[in-house]
Amino acid sequence: MNASVRELKSELSRYIRQVQRGETVVVTYRGKPIARLMPLPPPLLEERLATLPGINAGTGGKPRGATRPVRVKFNEKSVADIVMAERR
């Protein structure tokens, strides 16, 4: 659908409703197209997930180490040794 600048200014609400329904409006000035009003694309998955309760977006960085790492005594197995044994 085409609309001149004058039409768009006087009937903006009507054209916005048409765009909300999914239509595209081409704005013309002296008969030549100068702009296009179109619906926005659906939100990205990350944006939709951010609206769900209990979902926290990650920062993208590596997790920081523990502030107080656990010390392993001399004769004890490390956590890595225990995990490796469980995987076998």
N, C-alpha and C. Protein backbone atom coordinates (compact mmCIF):
# COMPACT_ATOMS: atom_id res chain seq x y z
N MET A 1 0.84 -1.17 0.00
CA MET A 1 0.00 0.00 0.00
C MET A 1 0.89 1.24 0.00
N ASN A 2 0.52 2.25 -0.75
CA ASN A 2 1.26 3.51 -0.84
C ASN A 2 0.50 4.61 -0.10
N ALA A 3 1.26 5.54 0.47
CA ALA A 3 0.67 6.70 1.12
C ALA A 3 1.61 7.88 0.93
N SER A 4 1.05 9.01 0.55
CA SER A 4 1.88 10.21 0.42
C SER A 4 2.19 10.74 1.82
N VAL A 5 3.18 11.61 1.89
CA VAL A 5 3.55 12.18 3.18
C VAL A 5 2.36 12.90 3.79
N ARG A 6 1.61 13.63 2.98
CA ARG A 6 0.44 14.36 3.48
C ARG A 6 -0.60 13.40 4.04
N GLU A 7 -0.88 12.30 3.30
CA GLU A 7 -1.85 11.30 3.79
C GLU A 7 -1.36 10.68 5.09
N LEU A 8 -0.07 10.35 5.12
CA LEU A 8 0.49 9.70 6.30
C LEU A 8 0.37 10.60 7.52
N LYS A 9 0.66 11.88 7.35
CA LYS A 9 0.57 12.80 8.48
C LYS A 9 -0.87 12.93 8.99
N SER A 10 -1.82 12.97 8.08
CA SER A 10 -3.20 13.17 8.51
C SER A 10 -3.86 11.88 9.00
N GLU A 11 -3.40 10.73 8.55
CA GLU A 11 -4.03 9.45 8.91
C GLU A 11 -3.02 8.47 9.53
N LEU A 12 -2.08 8.98 10.31
CA LEU A 12 -1.02 8.13 10.84
C LEU A 12 -1.55 6.94 11.63
N SER A 13 -2.53 7.15 12.47
CA SER A 13 -3.07 6.05 13.27
C SER A 13 -3.59 4.91 12.40
N ARG A 14 -4.26 5.25 11.34
CA ARG A 14 -4.80 4.22 10.44
C ARG A 14 -3.68 3.41 9.80
N TYR A 15 -2.63 4.10 9.35
CA TYR A 15 -1.52 3.39 8.72
C TYR A 15 -0.75 2.54 9.74
N ILE A 16 -0.62 3.03 10.94
CA ILE A 16 0.04 2.24 12.00
C ILE A 16 -0.75 0.96 12.27
N ARG A 17 -2.07 1.05 12.31
CA ARG A 17 -2.89 -0.16 12.52
C ARG A 17 -2.69 -1.16 11.39
N GLN A 18 -2.57 -0.66 10.17
CA GLN A 18 -2.33 -1.56 9.03
C GLN A 18 -0.98 -2.26 9.16
N VAL A 19 0.03 -1.53 9.60
CA VAL A 19 1.35 -2.13 9.80
C VAL A 19 1.29 -3.16 10.91
N GLN A 20 0.53 -2.88 11.97
CA GLN A 20 0.38 -3.85 13.06
C GLN A 20 -0.27 -5.14 12.57
N ARG A 21 -1.12 -5.04 11.55
CA ARG A 21 -1.76 -6.24 10.98
C ARG A 21 -0.82 -6.99 10.04
N GLY A 22 0.38 -6.44 9.80
CA GLY A 22 1.35 -7.14 8.97
C GLY A 22 1.55 -6.56 7.59
N GLU A 23 0.87 -5.49 7.27
CA GLU A 23 1.01 -4.88 5.96
C GLU A 23 2.23 -3.95 5.93
N THR A 24 2.71 -3.67 4.73
CA THR A 24 3.80 -2.72 4.53
C THR A 24 3.25 -1.49 3.83
N VAL A 25 3.64 -0.32 4.32
CA VAL A 25 3.19 0.95 3.73
C VAL A 25 4.41 1.65 3.15
N VAL A 26 4.34 1.97 1.86
CA VAL A 26 5.40 2.71 1.19
C VAL A 26 5.00 4.18 1.21
N VAL A 27 5.88 5.02 1.76
CA VAL A 27 5.61 6.46 1.85
C VAL A 27 6.20 7.12 0.61
N THR A 28 5.39 7.95 -0.04
CA THR A 28 5.85 8.61 -1.26
C THR A 28 5.87 10.12 -1.06
N TYR A 29 6.78 10.77 -1.78
CA TYR A 29 6.85 12.23 -1.81
C TYR A 29 6.89 12.63 -3.27
N ARG A 30 5.87 13.34 -3.69
CA ARG A 30 5.72 13.73 -5.10
C ARG A 30 5.75 12.53 -6.03
N GLY A 31 5.12 11.45 -5.56
CA GLY A 31 4.98 10.26 -6.38
C GLY A 31 6.16 9.29 -6.35
N LYS A 32 7.23 9.66 -5.67
CA LYS A 32 8.40 8.79 -5.61
C LYS A 32 8.52 8.18 -4.21
N PRO A 33 8.79 6.88 -4.12
CA PRO A 33 8.92 6.24 -2.81
C PRO A 33 10.14 6.77 -2.05
N ILE A 34 9.94 7.09 -0.78
CA ILE A 34 11.05 7.60 0.04
C ILE A 34 11.25 6.80 1.33
N ALA A 35 10.24 6.06 1.73
CA ALA A 35 10.37 5.30 2.99
C ALA A 35 9.41 4.12 2.96
N ARG A 36 9.65 3.21 3.88
CA ARG A 36 8.79 2.03 4.00
C ARG A 36 8.50 1.80 5.48
N LEU A 37 7.23 1.69 5.81
CA LEU A 37 6.81 1.30 7.17
C LEU A 37 6.43 -0.16 7.12
N MET A 38 7.09 -0.96 7.98
CA MET A 38 6.81 -2.39 7.97
C MET A 38 6.90 -2.92 9.39
N PRO A 39 6.23 -4.06 9.65
CA PRO A 39 6.25 -4.61 11.00
C PRO A 39 7.67 -5.05 11.37
N LEU A 40 7.96 -4.99 12.65
CA LEU A 40 9.25 -5.47 13.14
C LEU A 40 9.28 -7.00 13.09
N PRO A 41 10.47 -7.59 12.93
CA PRO A 41 10.56 -9.05 12.96
C PRO A 41 10.27 -9.55 14.37
N PRO A 42 9.90 -10.82 14.51
CA PRO A 42 9.63 -11.34 15.85
C PRO A 42 10.89 -11.26 16.70
N PRO A 43 10.74 -11.15 18.02
CA PRO A 43 11.91 -11.02 18.89
C PRO A 43 12.81 -12.25 18.82
N LEU A 44 14.08 -12.03 19.04
CA LEU A 44 15.05 -13.11 19.05
C LEU A 44 14.79 -14.05 20.22
N LEU A 45 15.29 -15.25 20.12
CA LEU A 45 15.10 -16.25 21.16
C LEU A 45 15.59 -15.73 22.51
N GLU A 46 16.74 -15.05 22.52
CA GLU A 46 17.28 -14.54 23.78
C GLU A 46 16.33 -13.54 24.43
N GLU A 47 15.71 -12.71 23.61
CA GLU A 47 14.78 -11.72 24.14
C GLU A 47 13.53 -12.39 24.69
N ARG A 48 13.05 -13.44 24.00
CA ARG A 48 11.88 -14.15 24.50
C ARG A 48 12.20 -14.88 25.80
N LEU A 49 13.38 -15.49 25.88
CA LEU A 49 13.76 -16.20 27.10
C LEU A 49 13.93 -15.24 28.27
N ALA A 50 14.40 -14.03 28.00
CA ALA A 50 14.60 -13.05 29.07
C ALA A 50 13.29 -12.66 29.73
N THR A 51 12.17 -12.84 29.04
CA THR A 51 10.88 -12.47 29.63
C THR A 51 10.32 -13.56 30.54
N LEU A 52 10.91 -14.76 30.49
CA LEU A 52 10.43 -15.86 31.32
C LEU A 52 10.96 -15.74 32.73
N PRO A 53 10.14 -16.00 33.74
CA PRO A 53 10.63 -15.91 35.11
C PRO A 53 11.64 -17.02 35.41
N GLY A 54 12.66 -16.68 36.16
CA GLY A 54 13.66 -17.66 36.56
C GLY A 54 14.78 -17.87 35.56
N ILE A 55 14.73 -17.18 34.42
CA ILE A 55 15.77 -17.32 33.40
C ILE A 55 16.70 -16.12 33.51
N ASN A 56 17.98 -16.38 33.71
CA ASN A 56 18.98 -15.32 33.78
C ASN A 56 19.92 -15.47 32.59
N ALA A 57 20.13 -14.39 31.88
CA ALA A 57 21.02 -14.42 30.72
C ALA A 57 22.47 -14.53 31.19
N GLY A 58 23.25 -15.30 30.48
CA GLY A 58 24.66 -15.42 30.80
C GLY A 58 25.42 -14.20 30.32
N THR A 59 26.60 -14.02 30.86
CA THR A 59 27.42 -12.88 30.47
C THR A 59 28.30 -13.21 29.28
N GLY A 60 28.46 -14.49 28.97
CA GLY A 60 29.27 -14.88 27.84
C GLY A 60 30.73 -15.13 28.18
N GLY A 61 31.14 -14.79 29.37
CA GLY A 61 32.53 -15.00 29.76
C GLY A 61 32.72 -16.33 30.45
N LYS A 62 33.96 -16.63 30.76
CA LYS A 62 34.25 -17.85 31.50
C LYS A 62 33.86 -17.66 32.96
N PRO A 63 33.44 -18.75 33.62
CA PRO A 63 33.13 -18.61 35.03
C PRO A 63 34.40 -18.31 35.82
N ARG A 64 34.25 -17.50 36.84
CA ARG A 64 35.39 -17.17 37.68
C ARG A 64 35.64 -18.30 38.66
N GLY A 65 36.87 -18.47 39.04
CA GLY A 65 37.22 -19.52 39.99
C GLY A 65 36.68 -19.21 41.38
N ALA A 66 36.77 -20.21 42.25
CA ALA A 66 36.30 -20.02 43.61
C ALA A 66 37.17 -19.00 44.32
N THR A 67 36.54 -18.24 45.20
CA THR A 67 37.32 -17.25 45.94
C THR A 67 38.22 -17.93 46.97
N ARG A 68 37.77 -19.07 47.49
CA ARG A 68 38.57 -19.86 48.43
C ARG A 68 38.60 -21.30 47.94
N PRO A 69 39.57 -21.65 47.08
CA PRO A 69 39.61 -23.01 46.55
C PRO A 69 39.82 -24.05 47.65
N VAL A 70 39.25 -25.23 47.44
CA VAL A 70 39.37 -26.31 48.41
C VAL A 70 40.78 -26.88 48.31
N ARG A 71 41.42 -27.05 49.45
CA ARG A 71 42.75 -27.63 49.50
C ARG A 71 42.63 -29.14 49.62
N VAL A 72 43.41 -29.85 48.82
CA VAL A 72 43.42 -31.31 48.87
C VAL A 72 44.63 -31.73 49.70
N LYS A 73 44.37 -32.61 50.68
CA LYS A 73 45.47 -33.09 51.52
C LYS A 73 46.36 -34.03 50.72
N PHE A 74 47.53 -34.30 51.22
CA PHE A 74 48.55 -35.03 50.51
C PHE A 74 48.08 -36.40 50.04
N ASN A 75 47.43 -37.20 50.85
CA ASN A 75 47.05 -38.55 50.48
C ASN A 75 45.63 -38.67 49.93
N GLU A 76 44.89 -37.58 49.83
CA GLU A 76 43.51 -37.63 49.33
C GLU A 76 43.48 -37.52 47.81
N LYS A 77 42.42 -38.08 47.24
CA LYS A 77 42.22 -37.96 45.79
C LYS A 77 41.66 -36.56 45.49
N SER A 78 42.05 -36.04 44.36
CA SER A 78 41.49 -34.76 43.94
C SER A 78 40.11 -34.99 43.32
N VAL A 79 39.37 -33.93 43.15
CA VAL A 79 38.03 -34.03 42.54
C VAL A 79 38.18 -34.55 41.11
N ALA A 80 39.21 -34.13 40.40
CA ALA A 80 39.43 -34.59 39.03
C ALA A 80 39.66 -36.11 39.00
N ASP A 81 40.43 -36.65 39.98
CA ASP A 81 40.65 -38.08 40.06
C ASP A 81 39.36 -38.83 40.30
N ILE A 82 38.52 -38.31 41.17
CA ILE A 82 37.24 -38.96 41.50
C ILE A 82 36.33 -38.95 40.25
N VAL A 83 36.28 -37.84 39.54
CA VAL A 83 35.44 -37.75 38.35
C VAL A 83 35.93 -38.73 37.28
N MET A 84 37.24 -38.79 37.09
CA MET A 84 37.80 -39.71 36.10
C MET A 84 37.47 -41.15 36.45
N ALA A 85 37.53 -41.51 37.74
CA ALA A 85 37.22 -42.87 38.18
C ALA A 85 35.74 -43.17 37.95
N GLU A 86 34.87 -42.22 38.16
CA GLU A 86 33.43 -42.42 37.96
C GLU A 86 33.09 -42.59 36.48
N ARG A 87 33.86 -41.98 35.63
CA ARG A 87 33.59 -42.06 34.19
C ARG A 87 33.97 -43.43 33.61
N ARG A 88 34.85 -44.13 34.29
CA ARG A 88 35.30 -45.43 33.77
C ARG A 88 34.33 -46.50 34.01
